[in-house]
Amino acid sequence: MIQPDCFVSWRTRRWVGGFATALLLTLGIPAIAQDPPDQLPKAQADLVKAIRKVRDLMAAEKYEEAAQVMAAEVKRHPNSRGTLLAAAMATQQAAFGVIQDPEKRKAGNKYFHDAARYFRSFKKAMGGKIPANLLEQYATVIYNDACSFALDGDKEKAITVLKEAVEAGFSEYDVIKDDADFQSLRDDPNYKKRFDELVEQVKSKAAGPRVRT
């Protein structure tokens, strides 16, 4: 992810080390994301069990297994808003765990793709609208999906998904302008202009420097 030059990978910088934050977020799913009453008891009970499994697997650094637990949960409850949101957040955290192993950095892209897929399904289940308090998380997950497509070598998909992230509200100008994951787009005359236009869009709406912890 980190290249031997001035570019720094956003996905690597987004690694925060502790999975407890993501797990607390998933267990504290916003009320608006809760499922209809007729679906809630079973889906919620299964989700709590899954999150406990994921917590233990994360603690043991078994990140791929943790992601697989969430994938099974989505398969079990594909229309559960709570499950989809939890899967998106926990799977992205698992993906960051996977890519800490240099030999698995490319393999880890699958889990970033999965996290984005779950969040898109959550958006669809919410009637096509992401709750305001989840917009930043959504844009970031989609941005990381674009990074992963770029690293997969799929430039067209990368630029398309990056546009989706920008339209969703991604506003980290200092990140996107130097992100090593998109170096292939900067270097390709067929994509550089489109990439630069998206960078300018982010710059125009950036609220100023922000510090992440």
N, C-alpha and C. Protein backbone atom coordinates (compact mmCIF):
# COMPACT_ATOMS: atom_id res chain seq x y z
N MET A 1 0.80 -1.22 0.00
CA MET A 1 0.00 0.00 0.00
C MET A 1 0.84 1.27 0.00
N ILE A 2 1.89 1.28 0.83
CA ILE A 2 2.76 2.45 0.86
C ILE A 2 3.86 2.28 -0.15
N GLN A 3 3.96 3.24 -1.07
CA GLN A 3 4.98 3.19 -2.11
C GLN A 3 6.22 3.97 -1.67
N PRO A 4 7.40 3.62 -2.20
CA PRO A 4 8.64 4.30 -1.81
C PRO A 4 8.80 5.66 -2.47
N ASP A 5 7.81 6.52 -2.26
CA ASP A 5 7.90 7.88 -2.79
C ASP A 5 7.08 8.79 -1.88
N CYS A 6 6.67 9.93 -2.38
CA CYS A 6 5.99 10.89 -1.53
C CYS A 6 4.53 10.54 -1.28
N PHE A 7 4.00 9.58 -2.03
CA PHE A 7 2.59 9.25 -1.88
C PHE A 7 2.36 8.31 -0.72
N VAL A 8 1.35 8.59 0.04
CA VAL A 8 1.01 7.77 1.20
C VAL A 8 -0.38 7.21 1.01
N SER A 9 -0.54 5.94 1.30
CA SER A 9 -1.83 5.29 1.10
C SER A 9 -2.83 5.65 2.18
N TRP A 10 -4.00 6.11 1.76
CA TRP A 10 -5.06 6.43 2.71
C TRP A 10 -5.54 5.18 3.42
N ARG A 11 -5.66 4.07 2.70
CA ARG A 11 -6.14 2.86 3.34
C ARG A 11 -5.22 2.46 4.48
N THR A 12 -3.93 2.60 4.28
CA THR A 12 -3.01 2.25 5.36
C THR A 12 -3.14 3.23 6.52
N ARG A 13 -3.28 4.51 6.21
CA ARG A 13 -3.42 5.52 7.26
C ARG A 13 -4.72 5.36 8.03
N ARG A 14 -5.72 4.77 7.40
CA ARG A 14 -7.01 4.61 8.06
C ARG A 14 -7.00 3.48 9.07
N TRP A 15 -5.91 2.71 9.08
CA TRP A 15 -5.80 1.62 10.05
C TRP A 15 -5.66 2.22 11.45
N VAL A 16 -6.60 1.90 12.36
CA VAL A 16 -6.56 2.48 13.69
C VAL A 16 -6.18 1.46 14.75
N GLY A 17 -5.93 0.25 14.35
CA GLY A 17 -5.39 -0.73 15.26
C GLY A 17 -6.40 -1.44 16.15
N GLY A 18 -7.35 -0.73 16.75
CA GLY A 18 -8.28 -1.38 17.65
C GLY A 18 -9.61 -1.67 17.00
N PHE A 19 -10.04 -2.91 17.08
CA PHE A 19 -11.31 -3.28 16.48
C PHE A 19 -12.48 -3.01 17.41
N ALA A 20 -12.19 -2.69 18.66
CA ALA A 20 -13.27 -2.46 19.62
C ALA A 20 -14.20 -1.36 19.14
N THR A 21 -13.64 -0.32 18.52
CA THR A 21 -14.46 0.80 18.05
C THR A 21 -15.50 0.33 17.05
N ALA A 22 -15.06 -0.45 16.07
CA ALA A 22 -15.99 -0.94 15.05
C ALA A 22 -17.04 -1.84 15.67
N LEU A 23 -16.63 -2.68 16.61
CA LEU A 23 -17.58 -3.60 17.20
C LEU A 23 -18.60 -2.87 18.06
N LEU A 24 -18.15 -1.84 18.76
CA LEU A 24 -19.10 -1.05 19.53
C LEU A 24 -20.08 -0.34 18.61
N LEU A 25 -19.57 0.12 17.47
CA LEU A 25 -20.45 0.79 16.51
C LEU A 25 -21.51 -0.17 16.00
N THR A 26 -21.10 -1.39 15.70
CA THR A 26 -22.05 -2.34 15.15
C THR A 26 -23.08 -2.76 16.19
N LEU A 27 -22.65 -2.88 17.45
CA LEU A 27 -23.60 -3.24 18.50
C LEU A 27 -24.51 -2.07 18.84
N GLY A 28 -24.01 -0.86 18.61
CA GLY A 28 -24.81 0.31 18.88
C GLY A 28 -25.43 0.87 17.61
N ILE A 29 -26.02 -0.01 16.82
CA ILE A 29 -26.59 0.38 15.54
C ILE A 29 -27.66 1.46 15.74
N PRO A 30 -27.57 2.55 14.98
CA PRO A 30 -28.55 3.62 15.12
C PRO A 30 -29.98 3.10 14.96
N ALA A 31 -30.88 3.69 15.72
CA ALA A 31 -32.27 3.23 15.70
C ALA A 31 -32.85 3.22 14.29
N ILE A 32 -32.44 4.17 13.47
CA ILE A 32 -33.00 4.25 12.12
C ILE A 32 -32.63 3.05 11.27
N ALA A 33 -31.55 2.37 11.66
CA ALA A 33 -31.10 1.20 10.89
C ALA A 33 -31.74 -0.09 11.38
N GLN A 34 -32.46 -0.04 12.47
CA GLN A 34 -33.05 -1.26 13.00
C GLN A 34 -34.09 -1.81 12.03
N ASP A 35 -34.26 -3.11 12.08
CA ASP A 35 -35.18 -3.78 11.18
C ASP A 35 -36.63 -3.61 11.61
N PRO A 36 -37.56 -3.87 10.69
CA PRO A 36 -38.98 -3.85 11.05
C PRO A 36 -39.24 -4.83 12.20
N PRO A 37 -40.25 -4.56 13.04
CA PRO A 37 -40.51 -5.40 14.22
C PRO A 37 -40.62 -6.89 13.93
N ASP A 38 -41.19 -7.26 12.78
CA ASP A 38 -41.37 -8.68 12.50
C ASP A 38 -40.05 -9.38 12.17
N GLN A 39 -39.02 -8.62 11.82
CA GLN A 39 -37.71 -9.20 11.50
C GLN A 39 -36.71 -9.04 12.64
N LEU A 40 -36.96 -8.11 13.53
CA LEU A 40 -35.95 -7.70 14.50
C LEU A 40 -35.47 -8.80 15.44
N PRO A 41 -36.34 -9.53 16.13
CA PRO A 41 -35.85 -10.46 17.16
C PRO A 41 -34.82 -11.47 16.66
N LYS A 42 -35.13 -12.20 15.60
CA LYS A 42 -34.23 -13.23 15.10
C LYS A 42 -32.94 -12.61 14.55
N ALA A 43 -33.07 -11.59 13.70
CA ALA A 43 -31.88 -10.97 13.10
C ALA A 43 -30.98 -10.37 14.16
N GLN A 44 -31.57 -9.72 15.15
CA GLN A 44 -30.78 -9.07 16.19
C GLN A 44 -30.07 -10.10 17.06
N ALA A 45 -30.78 -11.18 17.40
CA ALA A 45 -30.17 -12.23 18.22
C ALA A 45 -29.00 -12.87 17.49
N ASP A 46 -29.19 -13.15 16.20
CA ASP A 46 -28.12 -13.75 15.42
C ASP A 46 -26.94 -12.79 15.28
N LEU A 47 -27.24 -11.50 15.13
CA LEU A 47 -26.18 -10.51 14.96
C LEU A 47 -25.33 -10.39 16.21
N VAL A 48 -25.97 -10.39 17.37
CA VAL A 48 -25.22 -10.30 18.63
C VAL A 48 -24.25 -11.48 18.76
N LYS A 49 -24.72 -12.67 18.41
CA LYS A 49 -23.86 -13.85 18.46
C LYS A 49 -22.70 -13.71 17.48
N ALA A 50 -23.01 -13.22 16.28
CA ALA A 50 -21.97 -13.07 15.26
C ALA A 50 -20.92 -12.06 15.70
N ILE A 51 -21.37 -10.94 16.27
CA ILE A 51 -20.43 -9.91 16.70
C ILE A 51 -19.51 -10.43 17.80
N ARG A 52 -20.06 -11.24 18.69
CA ARG A 52 -19.21 -11.83 19.73
C ARG A 52 -18.14 -12.72 19.12
N LYS A 53 -18.53 -13.50 18.10
CA LYS A 53 -17.56 -14.34 17.40
C LYS A 53 -16.50 -13.48 16.72
N VAL A 54 -16.95 -12.44 16.06
CA VAL A 54 -16.03 -11.54 15.35
C VAL A 54 -15.06 -10.89 16.33
N ARG A 55 -15.57 -10.48 17.47
CA ARG A 55 -14.70 -9.86 18.48
C ARG A 55 -13.57 -10.81 18.88
N ASP A 56 -13.93 -12.07 19.12
CA ASP A 56 -12.92 -13.05 19.53
C ASP A 56 -11.92 -13.33 18.40
N LEU A 57 -12.43 -13.42 17.19
CA LEU A 57 -11.55 -13.69 16.05
C LEU A 57 -10.61 -12.52 15.79
N MET A 58 -11.14 -11.31 15.93
CA MET A 58 -10.29 -10.13 15.75
C MET A 58 -9.18 -10.11 16.79
N ALA A 59 -9.54 -10.44 18.02
CA ALA A 59 -8.56 -10.43 19.10
C ALA A 59 -7.45 -11.45 18.83
N ALA A 60 -7.82 -12.53 18.15
CA ALA A 60 -6.85 -13.57 17.80
C ALA A 60 -6.16 -13.29 16.47
N GLU A 61 -6.46 -12.12 15.88
CA GLU A 61 -5.89 -11.71 14.60
C GLU A 61 -6.28 -12.67 13.46
N LYS A 62 -7.46 -13.25 13.58
CA LYS A 62 -7.99 -14.11 12.53
C LYS A 62 -8.99 -13.29 11.71
N TYR A 63 -8.45 -12.34 10.99
CA TYR A 63 -9.28 -11.33 10.34
C TYR A 63 -10.13 -11.90 9.20
N GLU A 64 -9.57 -12.77 8.43
CA GLU A 64 -10.33 -13.34 7.33
C GLU A 64 -11.49 -14.19 7.84
N GLU A 65 -11.26 -14.91 8.92
CA GLU A 65 -12.34 -15.69 9.51
C GLU A 65 -13.44 -14.77 10.04
N ALA A 66 -13.03 -13.65 10.60
CA ALA A 66 -14.00 -12.68 11.11
C ALA A 66 -14.88 -12.15 9.97
N ALA A 67 -14.23 -11.84 8.85
CA ALA A 67 -14.99 -11.36 7.69
C ALA A 67 -15.94 -12.44 7.18
N GLN A 68 -15.51 -13.68 7.24
CA GLN A 68 -16.35 -14.77 6.78
C GLN A 68 -17.57 -14.97 7.68
N VAL A 69 -17.41 -14.71 8.97
CA VAL A 69 -18.55 -14.79 9.88
C VAL A 69 -19.60 -13.76 9.48
N MET A 70 -19.15 -12.54 9.16
CA MET A 70 -20.11 -11.51 8.77
C MET A 70 -20.74 -11.83 7.42
N ALA A 71 -19.97 -12.43 6.52
CA ALA A 71 -20.53 -12.82 5.22
C ALA A 71 -21.64 -13.84 5.40
N ALA A 72 -21.42 -14.78 6.31
CA ALA A 72 -22.45 -15.80 6.58
C ALA A 72 -23.69 -15.16 7.19
N GLU A 73 -23.47 -14.14 8.02
CA GLU A 73 -24.59 -13.46 8.66
C GLU A 73 -25.44 -12.71 7.63
N VAL A 74 -24.76 -12.07 6.67
CA VAL A 74 -25.49 -11.38 5.60
C VAL A 74 -26.26 -12.37 4.75
N LYS A 75 -25.67 -13.53 4.51
CA LYS A 75 -26.36 -14.56 3.74
C LYS A 75 -27.60 -15.05 4.49
N ARG A 76 -27.50 -15.11 5.81
CA ARG A 76 -28.61 -15.57 6.63
C ARG A 76 -29.72 -14.53 6.69
N HIS A 77 -29.34 -13.26 6.73
CA HIS A 77 -30.33 -12.17 6.84
C HIS A 77 -30.02 -11.09 5.80
N PRO A 78 -30.20 -11.38 4.52
CA PRO A 78 -29.80 -10.46 3.45
C PRO A 78 -30.58 -9.15 3.40
N ASN A 79 -31.73 -9.10 4.05
CA ASN A 79 -32.54 -7.89 4.01
C ASN A 79 -32.55 -7.15 5.34
N SER A 80 -31.75 -7.60 6.27
CA SER A 80 -31.69 -6.97 7.58
C SER A 80 -30.79 -5.75 7.54
N ARG A 81 -31.38 -4.60 7.80
CA ARG A 81 -30.60 -3.37 7.76
C ARG A 81 -29.51 -3.35 8.82
N GLY A 82 -29.85 -3.81 10.00
CA GLY A 82 -28.87 -3.85 11.07
C GLY A 82 -27.70 -4.76 10.73
N THR A 83 -28.02 -5.92 10.17
CA THR A 83 -26.97 -6.88 9.80
C THR A 83 -26.08 -6.31 8.71
N LEU A 84 -26.67 -5.68 7.72
CA LEU A 84 -25.89 -5.12 6.61
C LEU A 84 -24.96 -4.01 7.09
N LEU A 85 -25.45 -3.16 7.96
CA LEU A 85 -24.63 -2.07 8.48
C LEU A 85 -23.48 -2.62 9.33
N ALA A 86 -23.81 -3.57 10.20
CA ALA A 86 -22.77 -4.18 11.02
C ALA A 86 -21.72 -4.87 10.17
N ALA A 87 -22.17 -5.57 9.15
CA ALA A 87 -21.25 -6.29 8.27
C ALA A 87 -20.33 -5.32 7.54
N ALA A 88 -20.88 -4.20 7.08
CA ALA A 88 -20.06 -3.21 6.37
C ALA A 88 -18.95 -2.68 7.27
N MET A 89 -19.29 -2.31 8.47
CA MET A 89 -18.31 -1.71 9.37
C MET A 89 -17.28 -2.73 9.85
N ALA A 90 -17.76 -3.90 10.29
CA ALA A 90 -16.84 -4.90 10.81
C ALA A 90 -15.95 -5.48 9.72
N THR A 91 -16.51 -5.65 8.51
CA THR A 91 -15.72 -6.22 7.42
C THR A 91 -14.62 -5.27 6.98
N GLN A 92 -14.91 -3.97 6.98
CA GLN A 92 -13.85 -3.04 6.62
C GLN A 92 -12.72 -3.10 7.65
N GLN A 93 -13.06 -3.18 8.93
CA GLN A 93 -12.03 -3.29 9.94
C GLN A 93 -11.23 -4.59 9.78
N ALA A 94 -11.92 -5.67 9.42
CA ALA A 94 -11.23 -6.94 9.17
C ALA A 94 -10.28 -6.79 7.98
N ALA A 95 -10.72 -6.06 6.96
CA ALA A 95 -9.88 -5.86 5.78
C ALA A 95 -8.58 -5.15 6.15
N PHE A 96 -8.67 -4.15 7.03
CA PHE A 96 -7.46 -3.47 7.47
C PHE A 96 -6.54 -4.43 8.21
N GLY A 97 -7.13 -5.35 8.95
CA GLY A 97 -6.32 -6.35 9.62
C GLY A 97 -5.60 -7.24 8.63
N VAL A 98 -6.32 -7.67 7.60
CA VAL A 98 -5.73 -8.56 6.59
C VAL A 98 -4.53 -7.90 5.92
N ILE A 99 -4.66 -6.63 5.54
CA ILE A 99 -3.60 -6.00 4.76
C ILE A 99 -2.38 -5.61 5.58
N GLN A 100 -2.43 -5.84 6.88
CA GLN A 100 -1.21 -5.62 7.66
C GLN A 100 -0.16 -6.67 7.35
N ASP A 101 -0.59 -7.79 6.79
CA ASP A 101 0.35 -8.82 6.32
C ASP A 101 0.73 -8.46 4.88
N PRO A 102 1.97 -8.08 4.62
CA PRO A 102 2.37 -7.66 3.27
C PRO A 102 2.03 -8.69 2.19
N GLU A 103 2.01 -9.95 2.55
CA GLU A 103 1.73 -10.99 1.57
C GLU A 103 0.25 -11.10 1.24
N LYS A 104 -0.59 -10.43 2.03
CA LYS A 104 -2.03 -10.54 1.83
C LYS A 104 -2.66 -9.20 1.42
N ARG A 105 -1.83 -8.24 1.08
CA ARG A 105 -2.40 -6.92 0.77
C ARG A 105 -3.33 -6.95 -0.42
N LYS A 106 -2.98 -7.69 -1.45
CA LYS A 106 -3.87 -7.76 -2.61
C LYS A 106 -5.11 -8.60 -2.28
N ALA A 107 -4.89 -9.69 -1.55
CA ALA A 107 -6.02 -10.54 -1.17
C ALA A 107 -7.01 -9.77 -0.30
N GLY A 108 -6.49 -8.81 0.47
CA GLY A 108 -7.36 -8.03 1.34
C GLY A 108 -8.35 -7.16 0.60
N ASN A 109 -8.07 -6.88 -0.68
CA ASN A 109 -8.99 -6.05 -1.46
C ASN A 109 -10.40 -6.64 -1.49
N LYS A 110 -10.49 -7.95 -1.51
CA LYS A 110 -11.81 -8.62 -1.55
C LYS A 110 -12.68 -8.14 -0.39
N TYR A 111 -12.09 -7.98 0.77
CA TYR A 111 -12.88 -7.61 1.94
C TYR A 111 -13.29 -6.14 1.91
N PHE A 112 -12.46 -5.29 1.31
CA PHE A 112 -12.90 -3.90 1.10
C PHE A 112 -14.08 -3.87 0.12
N HIS A 113 -14.01 -4.72 -0.91
CA HIS A 113 -15.13 -4.81 -1.86
C HIS A 113 -16.40 -5.30 -1.15
N ASP A 114 -16.23 -6.31 -0.29
CA ASP A 114 -17.38 -6.85 0.44
C ASP A 114 -18.01 -5.79 1.34
N ALA A 115 -17.16 -5.04 2.05
CA ALA A 115 -17.68 -4.00 2.94
C ALA A 115 -18.51 -2.98 2.17
N ALA A 116 -18.02 -2.58 1.01
CA ALA A 116 -18.75 -1.61 0.18
C ALA A 116 -20.07 -2.20 -0.32
N ARG A 117 -20.01 -3.48 -0.67
CA ARG A 117 -21.24 -4.13 -1.16
C ARG A 117 -22.30 -4.17 -0.06
N TYR A 118 -21.88 -4.47 1.15
CA TYR A 118 -22.84 -4.50 2.26
C TYR A 118 -23.42 -3.11 2.52
N PHE A 119 -22.56 -2.09 2.44
CA PHE A 119 -23.05 -0.73 2.73
C PHE A 119 -24.00 -0.28 1.62
N ARG A 120 -23.73 -0.65 0.38
CA ARG A 120 -24.66 -0.31 -0.70
C ARG A 120 -26.00 -1.02 -0.51
N SER A 121 -25.94 -2.26 -0.05
CA SER A 121 -27.18 -3.01 0.21
C SER A 121 -27.94 -2.37 1.37
N PHE A 122 -27.20 -1.88 2.36
CA PHE A 122 -27.84 -1.17 3.47
C PHE A 122 -28.54 0.08 2.95
N LYS A 123 -27.87 0.81 2.09
CA LYS A 123 -28.46 2.01 1.51
C LYS A 123 -29.75 1.68 0.77
N LYS A 124 -29.72 0.62 0.01
CA LYS A 124 -30.92 0.19 -0.73
C LYS A 124 -32.04 -0.18 0.24
N ALA A 125 -31.68 -0.89 1.32
CA ALA A 125 -32.68 -1.29 2.31
C ALA A 125 -33.27 -0.08 3.04
N MET A 126 -32.51 1.02 3.07
CA MET A 126 -32.98 2.24 3.71
C MET A 126 -33.73 3.14 2.73
N GLY A 127 -34.10 2.60 1.60
CA GLY A 127 -34.85 3.37 0.63
C GLY A 127 -33.99 4.28 -0.23
N GLY A 128 -32.70 3.94 -0.30
CA GLY A 128 -31.80 4.71 -1.15
C GLY A 128 -31.17 5.91 -0.49
N LYS A 129 -31.33 6.04 0.81
CA LYS A 129 -30.78 7.20 1.51
C LYS A 129 -29.99 6.76 2.74
N ILE A 130 -28.76 7.22 2.85
CA ILE A 130 -27.94 6.94 4.01
C ILE A 130 -28.25 7.96 5.11
N PRO A 131 -28.49 7.53 6.34
CA PRO A 131 -28.72 8.48 7.43
C PRO A 131 -27.56 9.45 7.57
N ALA A 132 -27.85 10.68 7.92
CA ALA A 132 -26.83 11.73 7.97
C ALA A 132 -25.65 11.36 8.85
N ASN A 133 -25.91 10.66 9.97
CA ASN A 133 -24.82 10.35 10.88
C ASN A 133 -23.94 9.21 10.38
N LEU A 134 -24.29 8.64 9.22
CA LEU A 134 -23.48 7.56 8.65
C LEU A 134 -22.87 7.94 7.31
N LEU A 135 -23.09 9.17 6.87
CA LEU A 135 -22.62 9.58 5.55
C LEU A 135 -21.09 9.53 5.42
N GLU A 136 -20.40 9.97 6.46
CA GLU A 136 -18.93 9.96 6.39
C GLU A 136 -18.40 8.53 6.30
N GLN A 137 -18.99 7.63 7.12
CA GLN A 137 -18.55 6.24 7.07
C GLN A 137 -18.83 5.63 5.71
N TYR A 138 -20.00 5.95 5.16
CA TYR A 138 -20.37 5.40 3.85
C TYR A 138 -19.40 5.87 2.78
N ALA A 139 -19.14 7.16 2.74
CA ALA A 139 -18.23 7.71 1.72
C ALA A 139 -16.83 7.11 1.85
N THR A 140 -16.39 6.89 3.09
CA THR A 140 -15.06 6.32 3.30
C THR A 140 -14.99 4.87 2.84
N VAL A 141 -16.02 4.10 3.13
CA VAL A 141 -16.04 2.70 2.69
C VAL A 141 -16.03 2.62 1.17
N ILE A 142 -16.79 3.48 0.51
CA ILE A 142 -16.82 3.49 -0.95
C ILE A 142 -15.48 3.95 -1.51
N TYR A 143 -14.87 4.93 -0.85
CA TYR A 143 -13.54 5.40 -1.27
C TYR A 143 -12.53 4.25 -1.20
N ASN A 144 -12.56 3.49 -0.12
CA ASN A 144 -11.63 2.37 0.03
C ASN A 144 -11.91 1.28 -1.01
N ASP A 145 -13.16 1.17 -1.41
CA ASP A 145 -13.51 0.24 -2.48
C ASP A 145 -12.83 0.67 -3.78
N ALA A 146 -12.85 1.96 -4.05
CA ALA A 146 -12.18 2.50 -5.25
C ALA A 146 -10.68 2.25 -5.17
N CYS A 147 -10.10 2.47 -3.99
CA CYS A 147 -8.67 2.19 -3.82
C CYS A 147 -8.36 0.73 -4.18
N SER A 148 -9.22 -0.15 -3.73
CA SER A 148 -9.00 -1.58 -3.95
C SER A 148 -9.10 -1.94 -5.42
N PHE A 149 -10.04 -1.33 -6.13
CA PHE A 149 -10.14 -1.61 -7.56
C PHE A 149 -8.90 -1.10 -8.29
N ALA A 150 -8.38 0.05 -7.86
CA ALA A 150 -7.16 0.57 -8.47
C ALA A 150 -6.01 -0.39 -8.25
N LEU A 151 -5.91 -0.93 -7.05
CA LEU A 151 -4.84 -1.87 -6.74
C LEU A 151 -5.05 -3.22 -7.42
N ASP A 152 -6.31 -3.53 -7.74
CA ASP A 152 -6.61 -4.75 -8.50
C ASP A 152 -6.18 -4.60 -9.96
N GLY A 153 -5.98 -3.34 -10.39
CA GLY A 153 -5.64 -3.08 -11.78
C GLY A 153 -6.84 -2.74 -12.65
N ASP A 154 -8.02 -2.62 -12.02
CA ASP A 154 -9.24 -2.29 -12.76
C ASP A 154 -9.45 -0.77 -12.71
N LYS A 155 -8.81 -0.06 -13.60
CA LYS A 155 -8.83 1.40 -13.56
C LYS A 155 -10.22 1.97 -13.83
N GLU A 156 -10.95 1.38 -14.76
CA GLU A 156 -12.28 1.90 -15.08
C GLU A 156 -13.21 1.79 -13.88
N LYS A 157 -13.17 0.65 -13.24
CA LYS A 157 -14.01 0.46 -12.05
C LYS A 157 -13.55 1.39 -10.94
N ALA A 158 -12.24 1.56 -10.82
CA ALA A 158 -11.70 2.43 -9.78
C ALA A 158 -12.20 3.86 -9.94
N ILE A 159 -12.14 4.39 -11.16
CA ILE A 159 -12.54 5.78 -11.37
C ILE A 159 -14.05 5.94 -11.20
N THR A 160 -14.80 4.91 -11.59
CA THR A 160 -16.26 4.94 -11.44
C THR A 160 -16.65 4.95 -9.97
N VAL A 161 -16.02 4.09 -9.19
CA VAL A 161 -16.34 4.00 -7.77
C VAL A 161 -15.81 5.21 -7.02
N LEU A 162 -14.68 5.74 -7.45
CA LEU A 162 -14.17 6.96 -6.82
C LEU A 162 -15.15 8.11 -7.03
N LYS A 163 -15.73 8.19 -8.21
CA LYS A 163 -16.75 9.22 -8.49
C LYS A 163 -17.94 9.02 -7.54
N GLU A 164 -18.30 7.76 -7.32
CA GLU A 164 -19.40 7.44 -6.40
C GLU A 164 -19.06 7.95 -4.99
N ALA A 165 -17.82 7.74 -4.58
CA ALA A 165 -17.41 8.18 -3.24
C ALA A 165 -17.46 9.70 -3.11
N VAL A 166 -16.99 10.39 -4.14
CA VAL A 166 -17.00 11.85 -4.12
C VAL A 166 -18.43 12.37 -4.09
N GLU A 167 -19.29 11.76 -4.88
CA GLU A 167 -20.70 12.17 -4.90
C GLU A 167 -21.39 11.85 -3.57
N ALA A 168 -20.87 10.84 -2.87
CA ALA A 168 -21.44 10.48 -1.58
C ALA A 168 -20.98 11.42 -0.46
N GLY A 169 -19.99 12.27 -0.77
CA GLY A 169 -19.56 13.26 0.20
C GLY A 169 -18.13 13.15 0.67
N PHE A 170 -17.33 12.28 0.03
CA PHE A 170 -15.93 12.19 0.46
C PHE A 170 -15.27 13.55 0.29
N SER A 171 -14.64 14.04 1.36
CA SER A 171 -14.13 15.42 1.32
C SER A 171 -12.71 15.55 1.85
N GLU A 172 -11.95 14.46 1.82
CA GLU A 172 -10.58 14.49 2.35
C GLU A 172 -9.59 14.87 1.23
N TYR A 173 -9.51 16.15 0.96
CA TYR A 173 -8.64 16.60 -0.13
C TYR A 173 -7.18 16.24 0.09
N ASP A 174 -6.69 16.44 1.29
CA ASP A 174 -5.28 16.14 1.57
C ASP A 174 -4.98 14.66 1.40
N VAL A 175 -6.00 13.85 1.47
CA VAL A 175 -5.83 12.40 1.30
C VAL A 175 -5.84 12.02 -0.17
N ILE A 176 -6.88 12.40 -0.86
CA ILE A 176 -7.06 11.94 -2.25
C ILE A 176 -5.96 12.47 -3.17
N LYS A 177 -5.48 13.67 -2.93
CA LYS A 177 -4.52 14.25 -3.87
C LYS A 177 -3.19 13.50 -3.87
N ASP A 178 -2.86 12.83 -2.77
CA ASP A 178 -1.57 12.14 -2.66
C ASP A 178 -1.69 10.63 -2.47
N ASP A 179 -2.90 10.10 -2.56
CA ASP A 179 -3.09 8.69 -2.23
C ASP A 179 -2.35 7.78 -3.21
N ALA A 180 -1.43 6.98 -2.67
CA ALA A 180 -0.62 6.08 -3.50
C ALA A 180 -1.46 5.03 -4.21
N ASP A 181 -2.60 4.70 -3.65
CA ASP A 181 -3.44 3.68 -4.27
C ASP A 181 -3.90 4.07 -5.67
N PHE A 182 -3.95 5.36 -5.94
CA PHE A 182 -4.42 5.85 -7.24
C PHE A 182 -3.29 6.28 -8.17
N GLN A 183 -2.09 5.89 -7.86
CA GLN A 183 -0.97 6.29 -8.70
C GLN A 183 -1.14 5.81 -10.14
N SER A 184 -1.74 4.65 -10.31
CA SER A 184 -1.95 4.12 -11.66
C SER A 184 -2.87 5.01 -12.48
N LEU A 185 -3.81 5.69 -11.81
CA LEU A 185 -4.71 6.61 -12.51
C LEU A 185 -3.98 7.90 -12.88
N ARG A 186 -3.14 8.35 -11.98
CA ARG A 186 -2.35 9.56 -12.28
C ARG A 186 -1.40 9.33 -13.45
N ASP A 187 -0.88 8.12 -13.55
CA ASP A 187 0.12 7.81 -14.57
C ASP A 187 -0.46 7.48 -15.93
N ASP A 188 -1.76 7.26 -15.99
CA ASP A 188 -2.40 6.84 -17.24
C ASP A 188 -3.12 8.04 -17.88
N PRO A 189 -2.69 8.47 -19.06
CA PRO A 189 -3.31 9.62 -19.72
C PRO A 189 -4.81 9.43 -19.96
N ASN A 190 -5.25 8.19 -20.02
CA ASN A 190 -6.67 7.92 -20.24
C ASN A 190 -7.51 8.17 -18.99
N TYR A 191 -6.87 8.25 -17.85
CA TYR A 191 -7.61 8.42 -16.59
C TYR A 191 -7.20 9.66 -15.80
N LYS A 192 -6.05 10.21 -16.10
CA LYS A 192 -5.53 11.32 -15.30
C LYS A 192 -6.50 12.50 -15.24
N LYS A 193 -7.05 12.88 -16.38
CA LYS A 193 -7.95 14.03 -16.41
C LYS A 193 -9.18 13.78 -15.54
N ARG A 194 -9.78 12.60 -15.65
CA ARG A 194 -10.96 12.28 -14.85
C ARG A 194 -10.62 12.26 -13.36
N PHE A 195 -9.43 11.70 -13.06
CA PHE A 195 -9.01 11.66 -11.67
C PHE A 195 -8.80 13.08 -11.13
N ASP A 196 -8.10 13.91 -11.90
CA ASP A 196 -7.84 15.28 -11.46
C ASP A 196 -9.13 16.06 -11.26
N GLU A 197 -10.12 15.80 -12.09
CA GLU A 197 -11.41 16.49 -11.94
C GLU A 197 -12.08 16.11 -10.62
N LEU A 198 -11.97 14.84 -10.27
CA LEU A 198 -12.56 14.39 -9.01
C LEU A 198 -11.80 14.99 -7.83
N VAL A 199 -10.49 15.09 -7.94
CA VAL A 199 -9.69 15.71 -6.89
C VAL A 199 -10.12 17.17 -6.71
N GLU A 200 -10.35 17.86 -7.80
CA GLU A 200 -10.78 19.26 -7.72
C GLU A 200 -12.17 19.38 -7.10
N GLN A 201 -13.03 18.41 -7.39
CA GLN A 201 -14.36 18.43 -6.76
C GLN A 201 -14.24 18.30 -5.26
N VAL A 202 -13.35 17.41 -4.82
CA VAL A 202 -13.15 17.23 -3.38
C VAL A 202 -12.56 18.50 -2.78
N LYS A 203 -11.60 19.09 -3.47
CA LYS A 203 -10.97 20.32 -2.98
C LYS A 203 -12.00 21.43 -2.80
N SER A 204 -12.93 21.52 -3.74
CA SER A 204 -13.91 22.60 -3.70
C SER A 204 -14.89 22.50 -2.54
N LYS A 205 -15.05 21.28 -2.00
CA LYS A 205 -16.00 21.13 -0.91
C LYS A 205 -15.34 20.78 0.42
N ALA A 206 -14.02 20.68 0.40
CA ALA A 206 -13.29 20.36 1.63
C ALA A 206 -13.53 21.45 2.67
N ALA A 207 -13.77 21.04 3.88
CA ALA A 207 -14.07 22.01 4.94
C ALA A 207 -12.81 22.51 5.64
N GLY A 208 -11.68 22.04 5.20
CA GLY A 208 -10.44 22.44 5.85
C GLY A 208 -9.76 21.23 6.46
N PRO A 209 -8.57 21.42 6.99
CA PRO A 209 -7.80 20.31 7.54
C PRO A 209 -8.53 19.64 8.69
N ARG A 210 -8.45 18.31 8.75
CA ARG A 210 -9.08 17.56 9.81
C ARG A 210 -8.07 16.59 10.38
N VAL A 211 -8.21 16.29 11.63
CA VAL A 211 -7.30 15.36 12.28
C VAL A 211 -8.09 14.11 12.65
N ARG A 212 -7.57 12.96 12.25
CA ARG A 212 -8.23 11.69 12.59
C ARG A 212 -7.41 10.97 13.64
N THR A 213 -8.09 10.33 14.55
CA THR A 213 -7.41 9.53 15.57
C THR A 213 -7.94 8.12 15.53
